[in-house]
């Protein structure tokens, strides 16, 4: 399923500190349900949940920055 252009927001970019609500990896997608109600997803969790989210909540807005994955590697939590 693809996202329609109306759903994609050009809001504030996600930060490296933004983490997936499901696994804690760096978030690349924000799904905005309303004022102060959003979910953050890493790329693979958004891909897994996108069909259900769009079917159940067709009017949510999405900030999708998956094109940034692997552009600049983030530091590992265990990096020295």
N, C-alpha and C. Protein backbone atom coordinates (compact mmCIF):
# COMPACT_ATOMS: atom_id res chain seq x y z
N UNK A 1 0.85 -1.17 0.00
CA UNK A 1 0.00 0.00 0.00
C UNK A 1 0.90 1.23 0.00
N UNK A 2 0.57 2.21 -0.79
CA UNK A 2 1.35 3.44 -0.82
C UNK A 2 0.58 4.55 -0.13
N UNK A 3 1.31 5.53 0.32
CA UNK A 3 0.72 6.66 1.01
C UNK A 3 0.35 7.72 -0.01
N UNK A 4 -0.83 8.27 0.12
CA UNK A 4 -1.21 9.35 -0.79
C UNK A 4 -0.49 10.62 -0.38
N UNK A 5 -0.27 11.50 -1.34
CA UNK A 5 0.49 12.73 -1.09
C UNK A 5 -0.15 13.59 -0.02
N UNK A 6 -1.47 13.54 0.10
CA UNK A 6 -2.15 14.38 1.09
C UNK A 6 -1.77 13.98 2.52
N UNK A 7 -1.39 12.74 2.72
CA UNK A 7 -1.09 12.26 4.06
C UNK A 7 0.32 12.59 4.51
N UNK A 8 1.20 12.88 3.60
CA UNK A 8 2.60 13.11 3.95
C UNK A 8 2.79 14.56 4.37
N UNK A 9 3.32 14.75 5.56
CA UNK A 9 3.55 16.09 6.10
C UNK A 9 4.99 16.51 5.88
N UNK A 10 5.20 17.78 5.72
CA UNK A 10 6.55 18.33 5.65
C UNK A 10 6.81 19.09 6.95
N UNK A 11 6.71 18.41 8.06
CA UNK A 11 6.89 19.06 9.35
C UNK A 11 8.33 19.03 9.79
N UNK A 12 8.54 19.21 11.07
CA UNK A 12 9.89 19.16 11.62
C UNK A 12 10.49 17.79 11.34
N UNK A 13 11.75 17.77 10.93
CA UNK A 13 12.37 16.47 10.66
C UNK A 13 12.54 15.67 11.94
N UNK A 14 12.50 14.37 11.80
CA UNK A 14 12.74 13.51 12.94
C UNK A 14 14.20 13.64 13.35
N UNK A 15 14.45 13.51 14.63
CA UNK A 15 15.80 13.65 15.16
C UNK A 15 16.39 12.27 15.44
N UNK A 16 17.69 12.22 15.56
CA UNK A 16 18.35 10.95 15.85
C UNK A 16 17.89 10.39 17.20
N UNK A 17 17.46 11.26 18.10
CA UNK A 17 16.98 10.83 19.41
C UNK A 17 15.56 10.27 19.36
N UNK A 18 14.83 10.48 18.27
CA UNK A 18 13.47 9.93 18.13
C UNK A 18 13.58 8.43 17.92
N UNK A 19 12.86 7.67 18.72
CA UNK A 19 12.99 6.22 18.71
C UNK A 19 11.66 5.54 18.41
N UNK A 20 11.74 4.41 17.74
CA UNK A 20 10.57 3.60 17.41
C UNK A 20 9.86 3.22 18.70
N UNK A 21 8.55 3.43 18.74
CA UNK A 21 7.77 3.08 19.93
C UNK A 21 7.69 1.58 20.15
N UNK A 22 8.02 0.80 19.13
CA UNK A 22 7.90 -0.64 19.26
C UNK A 22 9.21 -1.32 19.65
N UNK A 23 10.34 -0.86 19.06
CA UNK A 23 11.59 -1.58 19.31
C UNK A 23 12.74 -0.71 19.80
N UNK A 24 12.59 0.60 19.77
CA UNK A 24 13.65 1.48 20.25
C UNK A 24 14.71 1.84 19.23
N UNK A 25 14.60 1.34 18.00
CA UNK A 25 15.54 1.73 16.94
C UNK A 25 15.25 3.17 16.52
N UNK A 26 16.15 3.75 15.74
CA UNK A 26 15.93 5.12 15.28
C UNK A 26 14.65 5.20 14.47
N UNK A 27 13.82 6.20 14.77
CA UNK A 27 12.54 6.37 14.07
C UNK A 27 12.75 7.14 12.77
N UNK A 28 12.09 6.67 11.72
CA UNK A 28 12.11 7.35 10.43
C UNK A 28 10.71 7.70 9.95
N UNK A 29 9.69 7.32 10.73
CA UNK A 29 8.30 7.62 10.36
C UNK A 29 7.54 8.07 11.60
N UNK A 30 6.79 9.16 11.45
CA UNK A 30 5.89 9.63 12.51
C UNK A 30 4.48 9.59 11.96
N UNK A 31 3.58 8.90 12.66
CA UNK A 31 2.17 8.85 12.28
C UNK A 31 1.43 9.74 13.27
N UNK A 32 0.81 10.81 12.75
CA UNK A 32 0.18 11.82 13.60
C UNK A 32 -1.33 11.61 13.56
N UNK A 33 -1.91 11.32 14.73
CA UNK A 33 -3.34 11.08 14.84
C UNK A 33 -4.11 12.34 15.21
N UNK A 34 -3.47 13.29 15.76
CA UNK A 34 -4.12 14.53 16.19
C UNK A 34 -3.15 15.32 17.04
N UNK A 35 -3.66 16.34 17.66
CA UNK A 35 -2.82 17.18 18.50
C UNK A 35 -2.21 16.35 19.63
N UNK A 36 -0.88 16.30 19.67
CA UNK A 36 -0.13 15.59 20.71
C UNK A 36 -0.40 14.09 20.74
N UNK A 37 -0.81 13.52 19.62
CA UNK A 37 -1.02 12.07 19.55
C UNK A 37 -0.30 11.55 18.32
N UNK A 38 0.82 10.87 18.54
CA UNK A 38 1.54 10.31 17.41
C UNK A 38 2.24 9.02 17.81
N UNK A 39 2.65 8.28 16.80
CA UNK A 39 3.45 7.07 16.98
C UNK A 39 4.70 7.23 16.15
N UNK A 40 5.81 6.74 16.67
CA UNK A 40 7.07 6.75 15.94
C UNK A 40 7.43 5.32 15.56
N UNK A 41 7.91 5.15 14.33
CA UNK A 41 8.26 3.81 13.84
C UNK A 41 9.62 3.83 13.17
N UNK A 42 10.36 2.74 13.31
CA UNK A 42 11.53 2.51 12.47
C UNK A 42 10.99 2.07 11.11
N UNK A 43 11.86 1.95 10.14
CA UNK A 43 11.42 1.61 8.79
C UNK A 43 10.69 0.29 8.70
N UNK A 44 11.25 -0.77 9.31
CA UNK A 44 10.62 -2.08 9.13
C UNK A 44 9.32 -2.22 9.91
N UNK A 45 9.20 -1.58 11.07
CA UNK A 45 7.93 -1.67 11.79
C UNK A 45 6.83 -0.86 11.10
N UNK A 46 7.18 0.28 10.50
CA UNK A 46 6.16 1.01 9.75
C UNK A 46 5.71 0.21 8.54
N UNK A 47 6.66 -0.39 7.85
CA UNK A 47 6.29 -1.20 6.68
C UNK A 47 5.36 -2.33 7.08
N UNK A 48 5.60 -2.92 8.23
CA UNK A 48 4.77 -4.03 8.72
C UNK A 48 3.36 -3.54 9.09
N UNK A 49 3.25 -2.36 9.71
CA UNK A 49 1.96 -1.89 10.24
C UNK A 49 1.23 -0.92 9.33
N UNK A 50 1.86 -0.44 8.27
CA UNK A 50 1.23 0.56 7.40
C UNK A 50 -0.13 0.14 6.86
N UNK A 51 -0.31 -1.08 6.34
CA UNK A 51 -1.63 -1.43 5.79
C UNK A 51 -2.76 -1.35 6.82
N UNK A 52 -2.50 -1.82 8.03
CA UNK A 52 -3.53 -1.79 9.07
C UNK A 52 -3.78 -0.36 9.54
N UNK A 53 -2.71 0.41 9.73
CA UNK A 53 -2.88 1.81 10.15
C UNK A 53 -3.71 2.59 9.15
N UNK A 54 -3.41 2.44 7.87
CA UNK A 54 -4.12 3.20 6.84
C UNK A 54 -5.56 2.72 6.68
N UNK A 55 -5.82 1.44 6.92
CA UNK A 55 -7.18 0.92 6.83
C UNK A 55 -8.03 1.39 8.01
N UNK A 56 -7.46 1.36 9.21
CA UNK A 56 -8.22 1.74 10.41
C UNK A 56 -8.28 3.24 10.64
N UNK A 57 -7.26 3.95 10.18
CA UNK A 57 -7.17 5.40 10.41
C UNK A 57 -6.84 6.10 9.09
N UNK A 58 -7.78 6.15 8.17
CA UNK A 58 -7.48 6.68 6.82
C UNK A 58 -7.14 8.16 6.79
N UNK A 59 -7.40 8.90 7.85
CA UNK A 59 -7.17 10.34 7.82
C UNK A 59 -5.98 10.78 8.66
N UNK A 60 -5.12 9.85 9.05
CA UNK A 60 -3.92 10.24 9.79
C UNK A 60 -2.94 10.91 8.84
N UNK A 61 -2.02 11.66 9.42
CA UNK A 61 -0.94 12.27 8.64
C UNK A 61 0.35 11.53 8.94
N UNK A 62 1.21 11.45 7.96
CA UNK A 62 2.44 10.68 8.08
C UNK A 62 3.64 11.54 7.71
N UNK A 63 4.65 11.54 8.57
CA UNK A 63 5.95 12.13 8.24
C UNK A 63 6.85 10.94 7.94
N UNK A 64 7.16 10.73 6.67
CA UNK A 64 7.91 9.56 6.23
C UNK A 64 9.29 9.99 5.76
N UNK A 65 10.30 9.61 6.52
CA UNK A 65 11.68 9.96 6.18
C UNK A 65 12.51 8.71 5.93
N UNK A 66 11.87 7.66 5.46
CA UNK A 66 12.61 6.42 5.20
C UNK A 66 13.68 6.58 4.13
N UNK A 67 13.56 7.61 3.30
CA UNK A 67 14.59 7.87 2.30
C UNK A 67 15.93 8.21 2.96
N UNK A 68 15.92 8.58 4.24
CA UNK A 68 17.14 8.92 4.97
C UNK A 68 17.85 7.71 5.57
N UNK A 69 17.22 6.55 5.51
CA UNK A 69 17.84 5.36 6.09
C UNK A 69 19.16 5.09 5.38
N UNK A 70 20.20 4.92 6.15
CA UNK A 70 21.56 4.63 5.67
C UNK A 70 22.22 5.78 4.92
N UNK A 71 21.63 6.97 4.92
CA UNK A 71 22.32 8.12 4.31
C UNK A 71 23.55 8.49 5.13
N UNK A 72 23.38 8.58 6.42
CA UNK A 72 24.48 8.89 7.32
C UNK A 72 24.34 7.95 8.50
N UNK A 73 25.29 7.06 8.70
CA UNK A 73 25.15 6.10 9.79
C UNK A 73 25.10 6.79 11.15
N UNK A 74 24.21 6.30 11.98
CA UNK A 74 24.11 6.84 13.34
C UNK A 74 25.09 6.09 14.23
N UNK A 75 25.47 6.71 15.32
CA UNK A 75 26.39 6.07 16.24
C UNK A 75 25.68 4.97 17.00
N UNK A 76 26.36 3.88 17.16
CA UNK A 76 25.83 2.78 17.94
C UNK A 76 25.86 3.15 19.41
N UNK A 77 24.94 2.60 20.15
CA UNK A 77 24.92 2.84 21.60
C UNK A 77 26.18 2.28 22.25
N UNK A 78 26.80 1.29 21.60
CA UNK A 78 27.99 0.66 22.15
C UNK A 78 29.28 1.17 21.52
N UNK A 79 29.21 2.23 20.72
CA UNK A 79 30.42 2.75 20.06
C UNK A 79 31.38 3.32 21.10
N UNK A 80 32.65 3.14 20.83
CA UNK A 80 33.67 3.66 21.76
C UNK A 80 34.25 4.94 21.25
